Amino acid sequence: MFRRPADLPDVLADAIDVGAKTLWLQFGLFAPEIARKAEAAGLSVVMDRCLKIEHARFHGGLHLAGFNTGVISSRKQQQ
C-alpha cells in the first residue's frame, strides 16, 4: 500500500471488505495497532517492506550494495 499513515484505518476497512488476505505496508509504515486489527480480521500483515526489493531478494537479484542488475527499471529488458 502506498498511502499516507493517516489513511491506514480506511485502507484496512477496504481490505477487509473486499476479502483481502494480506495487508502490505510500504517502507516507513509501521503501525502496530493497524496490524493487530488486520490480524484479528484474518489478514496477514507485512510492514515496512518494499515489494520490489523483496522480490529481488528471493530471486537472487539483490546484492549487499543493492540490485546487482546495474539497472533499476520496471521495464522488461529487450534481448
PDB file of N, CA and C in Angstrom:
ATOM      1  N   MET A   1       0.830  -1.161   0.000  1.00  0.00           N
ATOM      2  CA  MET A   1       0.000   0.000   0.000  1.00  0.00           C
ATOM      3  C   MET A   1       0.883   1.235   0.000  1.00  0.00           C
ATOM      4  N   PHE A   2       0.601   2.158  -0.876  1.00  0.00           N
ATOM      5  CA  PHE A   2       1.340   3.413  -0.952  1.00  0.00           C
ATOM      6  C   PHE A   2       0.378   4.542  -0.596  1.00  0.00           C
ATOM      7  N   ARG A   3       0.201   4.750   0.678  1.00  0.00           N
ATOM      8  CA  ARG A   3      -0.722   5.772   1.162  1.00  0.00           C
ATOM      9  C   ARG A   3      -0.130   6.438   2.391  1.00  0.00           C
ATOM     10  N   ARG A   4      -0.720   7.577   2.771  1.00  0.00           N
ATOM     11  CA  ARG A   4      -0.287   8.278   3.977  1.00  0.00           C
ATOM     12  C   ARG A   4      -0.691   7.463   5.208  1.00  0.00           C
ATOM     13  N   PRO A   5       0.095   7.558   6.287  1.00  0.00           N
ATOM     14  CA  PRO A   5      -0.250   6.824   7.512  1.00  0.00           C
ATOM     15  C   PRO A   5      -1.665   7.127   8.010  1.00  0.00           C
ATOM     16  N   ALA A   6      -2.135   8.341   7.811  1.00  0.00           N
ATOM     17  CA  ALA A   6      -3.486   8.699   8.266  1.00  0.00           C
ATOM     18  C   ALA A   6      -4.568   7.928   7.512  1.00  0.00           C
ATOM     19  N   ASP A   7      -4.233   7.389   6.334  1.00  0.00           N
ATOM     20  CA  ASP A   7      -5.205   6.645   5.530  1.00  0.00           C
ATOM     21  C   ASP A   7      -5.323   5.172   5.936  1.00  0.00           C
ATOM     22  N   LEU A   8      -4.435   4.693   6.794  1.00  0.00           N
ATOM     23  CA  LEU A   8      -4.392   3.268   7.113  1.00  0.00           C
ATOM     24  C   LEU A   8      -5.712   2.701   7.633  1.00  0.00           C
ATOM     25  N   PRO A   9      -6.413   3.364   8.551  1.00  0.00           N
ATOM     26  CA  PRO A   9      -7.674   2.770   9.022  1.00  0.00           C
ATOM     27  C   PRO A   9      -8.692   2.544   7.897  1.00  0.00           C
ATOM     28  N   ASP A  10      -8.817   3.505   6.988  1.00  0.00           N
ATOM     29  CA  ASP A  10      -9.754   3.346   5.873  1.00  0.00           C
ATOM     30  C   ASP A  10      -9.297   2.253   4.911  1.00  0.00           C
ATOM     31  N   VAL A  11      -7.996   2.178   4.659  1.00  0.00           N
ATOM     32  CA  VAL A  11      -7.473   1.146   3.761  1.00  0.00           C
ATOM     33  C   VAL A  11      -7.689  -0.232   4.373  1.00  0.00           C
ATOM     34  N   LEU A  12      -7.481  -0.350   5.672  1.00  0.00           N
ATOM     35  CA  LEU A  12      -7.716  -1.628   6.336  1.00  0.00           C
ATOM     36  C   LEU A  12      -9.183  -2.021   6.210  1.00  0.00           C
ATOM     37  N   ALA A  13     -10.082  -1.089   6.434  1.00  0.00           N
ATOM     38  CA  ALA A  13     -11.509  -1.380   6.306  1.00  0.00           C
ATOM     39  C   ALA A  13     -11.844  -1.843   4.886  1.00  0.00           C
ATOM     40  N   ASP A  14     -11.263  -1.178   3.882  1.00  0.00           N
ATOM     41  CA  ASP A  14     -11.485  -1.577   2.485  1.00  0.00           C
ATOM     42  C   ASP A  14     -10.928  -2.974   2.221  1.00  0.00           C
ATOM     43  N   ALA A  15      -9.740  -3.254   2.754  1.00  0.00           N
ATOM     44  CA  ALA A  15      -9.120  -4.568   2.554  1.00  0.00           C
ATOM     45  C   ALA A  15      -9.988  -5.670   3.161  1.00  0.00           C
ATOM     46  N   ILE A  16     -10.520  -5.426   4.324  1.00  0.00           N
ATOM     47  CA  ILE A  16     -11.400  -6.407   4.968  1.00  0.00           C
ATOM     48  C   ILE A  16     -12.669  -6.590   4.142  1.00  0.00           C
ATOM     49  N   ASP A  17     -13.241  -5.476   3.687  1.00  0.00           N
ATOM     50  CA  ASP A  17     -14.484  -5.529   2.912  1.00  0.00           C
ATOM     51  C   ASP A  17     -14.352  -6.330   1.619  1.00  0.00           C
ATOM     52  N   VAL A  18     -13.202  -6.231   0.945  1.00  0.00           N
ATOM     53  CA  VAL A  18     -13.032  -6.938  -0.325  1.00  0.00           C
ATOM     54  C   VAL A  18     -12.499  -8.359  -0.139  1.00  0.00           C
ATOM     55  N   GLY A  19     -12.223  -8.743   1.094  1.00  0.00           N
ATOM     56  CA  GLY A  19     -11.748 -10.101   1.350  1.00  0.00           C
ATOM     57  C   GLY A  19     -10.276 -10.317   1.086  1.00  0.00           C
ATOM     58  N   ALA A  20      -9.490  -9.247   1.198  1.00  0.00           N
ATOM     59  CA  ALA A  20      -8.037  -9.384   1.003  1.00  0.00           C
ATOM     60  C   ALA A  20      -7.468 -10.370   2.012  1.00  0.00           C
ATOM     61  N   LYS A  21      -6.379 -10.986   1.641  1.00  0.00           N
ATOM     62  CA  LYS A  21      -5.724 -11.947   2.538  1.00  0.00           C
ATOM     63  C   LYS A  21      -4.497 -11.353   3.216  1.00  0.00           C
ATOM     64  N   THR A  22      -3.954 -10.272   2.636  1.00  0.00           N
ATOM     65  CA  THR A  22      -2.730  -9.665   3.157  1.00  0.00           C
ATOM     66  C   THR A  22      -2.824  -8.144   3.085  1.00  0.00           C
ATOM     67  N   LEU A  23      -2.256  -7.498   4.091  1.00  0.00           N
ATOM     68  CA  LEU A  23      -2.099  -6.044   4.087  1.00  0.00           C
ATOM     69  C   LEU A  23      -0.603  -5.777   4.071  1.00  0.00           C
ATOM     70  N   TRP A  24      -0.102  -5.197   2.977  1.00  0.00           N
ATOM     71  CA  TRP A  24       1.332  -4.947   2.803  1.00  0.00           C
ATOM     72  C   TRP A  24       1.549  -3.447   2.858  1.00  0.00           C
ATOM     73  N   LEU A  25       2.354  -3.000   3.821  1.00  0.00           N
ATOM     74  CA  LEU A  25       2.631  -1.580   4.006  1.00  0.00           C
ATOM     75  C   LEU A  25       4.044  -1.261   3.528  1.00  0.00           C
ATOM     76  N   GLN A  26       4.188  -0.150   2.833  1.00  0.00           N
ATOM     77  CA  GLN A  26       5.448   0.265   2.220  1.00  0.00           C
ATOM     78  C   GLN A  26       6.519   0.615   3.253  1.00  0.00           C
ATOM     79  N   PHE A  27       7.743   0.872   2.750  1.00  0.00           N
ATOM     80  CA  PHE A  27       8.833   1.343   3.603  1.00  0.00           C
ATOM     81  C   PHE A  27       8.366   2.529   4.436  1.00  0.00           C
ATOM     82  N   GLY A  28       8.721   2.533   5.686  1.00  0.00           N
ATOM     83  CA  GLY A  28       8.414   3.660   6.552  1.00  0.00           C
ATOM     84  C   GLY A  28       7.071   3.566   7.251  1.00  0.00           C
ATOM     85  N   LEU A  29       6.232   2.620   6.848  1.00  0.00           N
ATOM     86  CA  LEU A  29       4.937   2.473   7.509  1.00  0.00           C
ATOM     87  C   LEU A  29       5.005   1.309   8.492  1.00  0.00           C
ATOM     88  N   PHE A  30       4.905   1.642   9.746  1.00  0.00           N
ATOM     89  CA  PHE A  30       4.897   0.657  10.815  1.00  0.00           C
ATOM     90  C   PHE A  30       3.768   1.048  11.752  1.00  0.00           C
ATOM     91  N   ALA A  31       2.718   0.265  11.764  1.00  0.00           N
ATOM     92  CA  ALA A  31       1.511   0.607  12.515  1.00  0.00           C
ATOM     93  C   ALA A  31       1.023  -0.603  13.303  1.00  0.00           C
ATOM     94  N   PRO A  32       1.544  -0.795  14.522  1.00  0.00           N
ATOM     95  CA  PRO A  32       1.178  -1.973  15.312  1.00  0.00           C
ATOM     96  C   PRO A  32      -0.325  -2.110  15.570  1.00  0.00           C
ATOM     97  N   GLU A  33      -1.018  -1.014  15.804  1.00  0.00           N
ATOM     98  CA  GLU A  33      -2.460  -1.095  16.071  1.00  0.00           C
ATOM     99  C   GLU A  33      -3.220  -1.567  14.828  1.00  0.00           C
ATOM    100  N   ILE A  34      -2.836  -1.036  13.679  1.00  0.00           N
ATOM    101  CA  ILE A  34      -3.454  -1.474  12.419  1.00  0.00           C
ATOM    102  C   ILE A  34      -3.143  -2.950  12.193  1.00  0.00           C
ATOM    103  N   ALA A  35      -1.917  -3.361  12.472  1.00  0.00           N
ATOM    104  CA  ALA A  35      -1.533  -4.761  12.305  1.00  0.00           C
ATOM    105  C   ALA A  35      -2.376  -5.669  13.201  1.00  0.00           C
ATOM    106  N   ARG A  36      -2.580  -5.275  14.445  1.00  0.00           N
ATOM    107  CA  ARG A  36      -3.409  -6.082  15.361  1.00  0.00           C
ATOM    108  C   ARG A  36      -4.832  -6.223  14.823  1.00  0.00           C
ATOM    109  N   LYS A  37      -5.393  -5.123  14.342  1.00  0.00           N
ATOM    110  CA  LYS A  37      -6.756  -5.169  13.804  1.00  0.00           C
ATOM    111  C   LYS A  37      -6.820  -6.029  12.541  1.00  0.00           C
ATOM    112  N   ALA A  38      -5.822  -5.903  11.690  1.00  0.00           N
ATOM    113  CA  ALA A  38      -5.790  -6.696  10.459  1.00  0.00           C
ATOM    114  C   ALA A  38      -5.680  -8.184  10.780  1.00  0.00           C
ATOM    115  N   GLU A  39      -4.782  -8.532  11.687  1.00  0.00           N
ATOM    116  CA  GLU A  39      -4.612  -9.939  12.049  1.00  0.00           C
ATOM    117  C   GLU A  39      -5.863 -10.488  12.727  1.00  0.00           C
ATOM    118  N   ALA A  40      -6.529  -9.675  13.537  1.00  0.00           N
ATOM    119  CA  ALA A  40      -7.775 -10.104  14.176  1.00  0.00           C
ATOM    120  C   ALA A  40      -8.855 -10.376  13.135  1.00  0.00           C
ATOM    121  N   ALA A  41      -8.772  -9.690  11.995  1.00  0.00           N
ATOM    122  CA  ALA A  41      -9.733  -9.892  10.912  1.00  0.00           C
ATOM    123  C   ALA A  41      -9.300 -11.017   9.963  1.00  0.00           C
ATOM    124  N   GLY A  42      -8.154 -11.662  10.269  1.00  0.00           N
ATOM    125  CA  GLY A  42      -7.701 -12.793   9.475  1.00  0.00           C
ATOM    126  C   GLY A  42      -6.718 -12.468   8.371  1.00  0.00           C
ATOM    127  N   LEU A  43      -6.227 -11.237   8.315  1.00  0.00           N
ATOM    128  CA  LEU A  43      -5.258 -10.865   7.284  1.00  0.00           C
ATOM    129  C   LEU A  43      -3.835 -11.115   7.769  1.00  0.00           C
ATOM    130  N   SER A  44      -2.962 -11.486   6.849  1.00  0.00           N
ATOM    131  CA  SER A  44      -1.530 -11.491   7.125  1.00  0.00           C
ATOM    132  C   SER A  44      -1.059 -10.056   6.954  1.00  0.00           C
ATOM    133  N   VAL A  45      -0.021  -9.669   7.696  1.00  0.00           N
ATOM    134  CA  VAL A  45       0.448  -8.288   7.644  1.00  0.00           C
ATOM    135  C   VAL A  45       1.944  -8.255   7.371  1.00  0.00           C
ATOM    136  N   VAL A  46       2.328  -7.405   6.418  1.00  0.00           N
ATOM    137  CA  VAL A  46       3.724  -7.126   6.121  1.00  0.00           C
ATOM    138  C   VAL A  46       3.879  -5.619   6.268  1.00  0.00           C
ATOM    139  N   MET A  47       4.847  -5.198   7.087  1.00  0.00           N
ATOM    140  CA  MET A  47       5.040  -3.762   7.310  1.00  0.00           C
ATOM    141  C   MET A  47       6.471  -3.357   7.006  1.00  0.00           C
ATOM    142  N   ASP A  48       6.627  -2.114   6.546  1.00  0.00           N
ATOM    143  CA  ASP A  48       7.935  -1.512   6.340  1.00  0.00           C
ATOM    144  C   ASP A  48       8.805  -2.335   5.380  1.00  0.00           C
ATOM    145  N   ARG A  49       8.195  -2.787   4.283  1.00  0.00           N
ATOM    146  CA  ARG A  49       8.920  -3.579   3.287  1.00  0.00           C
ATOM    147  C   ARG A  49       8.614  -3.072   1.886  1.00  0.00           C
ATOM    148  N   CYS A  50       9.580  -3.215   0.984  1.00  0.00           N
ATOM    149  CA  CYS A  50       9.423  -2.838  -0.417  1.00  0.00           C
ATOM    150  C   CYS A  50       9.236  -4.105  -1.250  1.00  0.00           C
ATOM    151  N   LEU A  51       8.146  -4.177  -1.983  1.00  0.00           N
ATOM    152  CA  LEU A  51       7.844  -5.365  -2.775  1.00  0.00           C
ATOM    153  C   LEU A  51       8.935  -5.650  -3.805  1.00  0.00           C
ATOM    154  N   LYS A  52       9.464  -4.614  -4.450  1.00  0.00           N
ATOM    155  CA  LYS A  52      10.498  -4.818  -5.468  1.00  0.00           C
ATOM    156  C   LYS A  52      11.781  -5.387  -4.842  1.00  0.00           C
ATOM    157  N   ILE A  53      12.168  -4.875  -3.707  1.00  0.00           N
ATOM    158  CA  ILE A  53      13.375  -5.368  -3.043  1.00  0.00           C
ATOM    159  C   ILE A  53      13.179  -6.801  -2.557  1.00  0.00           C
ATOM    160  N   GLU A  54      12.016  -7.093  -1.990  1.00  0.00           N
ATOM    161  CA  GLU A  54      11.755  -8.459  -1.514  1.00  0.00           C
ATOM    162  C   GLU A  54      11.738  -9.442  -2.678  1.00  0.00           C
ATOM    163  N   HIS A  55      11.140  -9.057  -3.789  1.00  0.00           N
ATOM    164  CA  HIS A  55      11.126  -9.921  -4.963  1.00  0.00           C
ATOM    165  C   HIS A  55      12.550 -10.204  -5.435  1.00  0.00           C
ATOM    166  N   ALA A  56      13.368  -9.167  -5.510  1.00  0.00           N
ATOM    167  CA  ALA A  56      14.759  -9.347  -5.936  1.00  0.00           C
ATOM    168  C   ALA A  56      15.522 -10.224  -4.947  1.00  0.00           C
ATOM    169  N   ARG A  57      15.281 -10.027  -3.678  1.00  0.00           N
ATOM    170  CA  ARG A  57      15.988 -10.809  -2.656  1.00  0.00           C
ATOM    171  C   ARG A  57      15.671 -12.298  -2.776  1.00  0.00           C
ATOM    172  N   PHE A  58      14.412 -12.624  -3.021  1.00  0.00           N
ATOM    173  CA  PHE A  58      14.017 -14.032  -3.109  1.00  0.00           C
ATOM    174  C   PHE A  58      14.426 -14.680  -4.423  1.00  0.00           C
ATOM    175  N   HIS A  59      14.694 -13.882  -5.445  1.00  0.00           N
ATOM    176  CA  HIS A  59      15.041 -14.447  -6.740  1.00  0.00           C
ATOM    177  C   HIS A  59      16.481 -14.172  -7.141  1.00  0.00           C
ATOM    178  N   GLY A  60      17.333 -13.862  -6.175  1.00  0.00           N
ATOM    179  CA  GLY A  60      18.756 -13.739  -6.428  1.00  0.00           C
ATOM    180  C   GLY A  60      19.192 -12.466  -7.122  1.00  0.00           C
ATOM    181  N   GLY A  61      18.354 -11.449  -7.162  1.00  0.00           N
ATOM    182  CA  GLY A  61      18.734 -10.229  -7.852  1.00  0.00           C
ATOM    183  C   GLY A  61      19.131  -9.107  -6.927  1.00  0.00           C
ATOM    184  N   LEU A  62      19.433  -9.423  -5.680  1.00  0.00           N
ATOM    185  CA  LEU A  62      19.788  -8.374  -4.730  1.00  0.00           C
ATOM    186  C   LEU A  62      21.187  -8.630  -4.193  1.00  0.00           C
ATOM    187  N   HIS A  63      22.035  -7.657  -4.339  1.00  0.00           N
ATOM    188  CA  HIS A  63      23.411  -7.700  -3.868  1.00  0.00           C
ATOM    189  C   HIS A  63      23.459  -6.938  -2.553  1.00  0.00           C
ATOM    190  N   LEU A  64      24.480  -7.115  -1.747  1.00  0.00           N
ATOM    191  CA  LEU A  64      24.578  -6.404  -0.475  1.00  0.00           C
ATOM    192  C   LEU A  64      24.532  -4.890  -0.655  1.00  0.00           C
ATOM    193  N   ALA A  65      25.048  -4.400  -1.780  1.00  0.00           N
ATOM    194  CA  ALA A  65      25.050  -2.961  -2.028  1.00  0.00           C
ATOM    195  C   ALA A  65      23.805  -2.503  -2.780  1.00  0.00           C
ATOM    196  N   GLY A  66      22.905  -3.410  -3.104  1.00  0.00           N
ATOM    197  CA  GLY A  66      21.689  -3.057  -3.833  1.00  0.00           C
ATOM    198  C   GLY A  66      21.422  -4.045  -4.945  1.00  0.00           C
ATOM    199  N   PHE A  67      20.661  -3.638  -5.931  1.00  0.00           N
ATOM    200  CA  PHE A  67      20.347  -4.522  -7.047  1.00  0.00           C
ATOM    201  C   PHE A  67      21.597  -4.786  -7.864  1.00  0.00           C
ATOM    202  N   ASN A  68      21.844  -6.017  -8.238  1.00  0.00           N
ATOM    203  CA  ASN A  68      23.060  -6.338  -8.982  1.00  0.00           C
ATOM    204  C   ASN A  68      22.856  -6.333 -10.484  1.00  0.00           C
ATOM    205  N   THR A  69      21.708  -5.876 -10.958  1.00  0.00           N
ATOM    206  CA  THR A  69      21.451  -5.852 -12.396  1.00  0.00           C
ATOM    207  C   THR A  69      22.106  -4.662 -13.070  1.00  0.00           C
ATOM    208  N   GLY A  70      22.446  -3.642 -12.284  1.00  0.00           N
ATOM    209  CA  GLY A  70      23.016  -2.446 -12.859  1.00  0.00           C
ATOM    210  C   GLY A  70      21.960  -1.471 -13.350  1.00  0.00           C
ATOM    211  N   VAL A  71      20.719  -1.945 -13.444  1.00  0.00           N
ATOM    212  CA  VAL A  71      19.622  -1.104 -13.920  1.00  0.00           C
ATOM    213  C   VAL A  71      18.427  -1.319 -13.003  1.00  0.00           C
ATOM    214  N   ILE A  72      17.867  -0.230 -12.524  1.00  0.00           N
ATOM    215  CA  ILE A  72      16.640  -0.328 -11.749  1.00  0.00           C
ATOM    216  C   ILE A  72      15.525   0.240 -12.614  1.00  0.00           C
ATOM    217  N   SER A  73      14.696  -0.637 -13.122  1.00  0.00           N
ATOM    218  CA  SER A  73      13.651  -0.213 -14.036  1.00  0.00           C
ATOM    219  C   SER A  73      12.491  -1.201 -13.947  1.00  0.00           C
ATOM    220  N   SER A  74      11.298  -0.708 -14.187  1.00  0.00           N
ATOM    221  CA  SER A  74      10.135  -1.594 -14.225  1.00  0.00           C
ATOM    222  C   SER A  74       9.906  -2.137 -15.629  1.00  0.00           C
ATOM    223  N   ARG A  75      10.715  -1.674 -16.583  1.00  0.00           N
ATOM    224  CA  ARG A  75      10.559  -2.122 -17.970  1.00  0.00           C
ATOM    225  C   ARG A  75      11.322  -3.412 -18.217  1.00  0.00           C
ATOM    226  N   LYS A  76      10.734  -4.300 -18.983  1.00  0.00           N
ATOM    227  CA  LYS A  76      11.380  -5.547 -19.340  1.00  0.00           C
ATOM    228  C   LYS A  76      12.554  -5.261 -20.281  1.00  0.00           C
ATOM    229  N   GLN A  77      13.704  -5.874 -20.017  1.00  0.00           N
ATOM    230  CA  GLN A  77      14.879  -5.661 -20.845  1.00  0.00           C
ATOM    231  C   GLN A  77      14.692  -6.344 -22.191  1.00  0.00           C
ATOM    232  N   GLN A  78      15.035  -5.630 -23.266  1.00  0.00           N
ATOM    233  CA  GLN A  78      14.967  -6.179 -24.613  1.00  0.00           C
ATOM    234  C   GLN A  78      16.199  -7.018 -24.878  1.00  0.00           C
ATOM    235  N   GLN A  79      16.041  -8.127 -25.545  1.00  0.00           N
ATOM    236  CA  GLN A  79      17.177  -9.004 -25.845  1.00  0.00           C
ATOM    237  C   GLN A  79      17.516  -9.014 -27.296  1.00  0.00           C
TER     238      GLN A  79
END
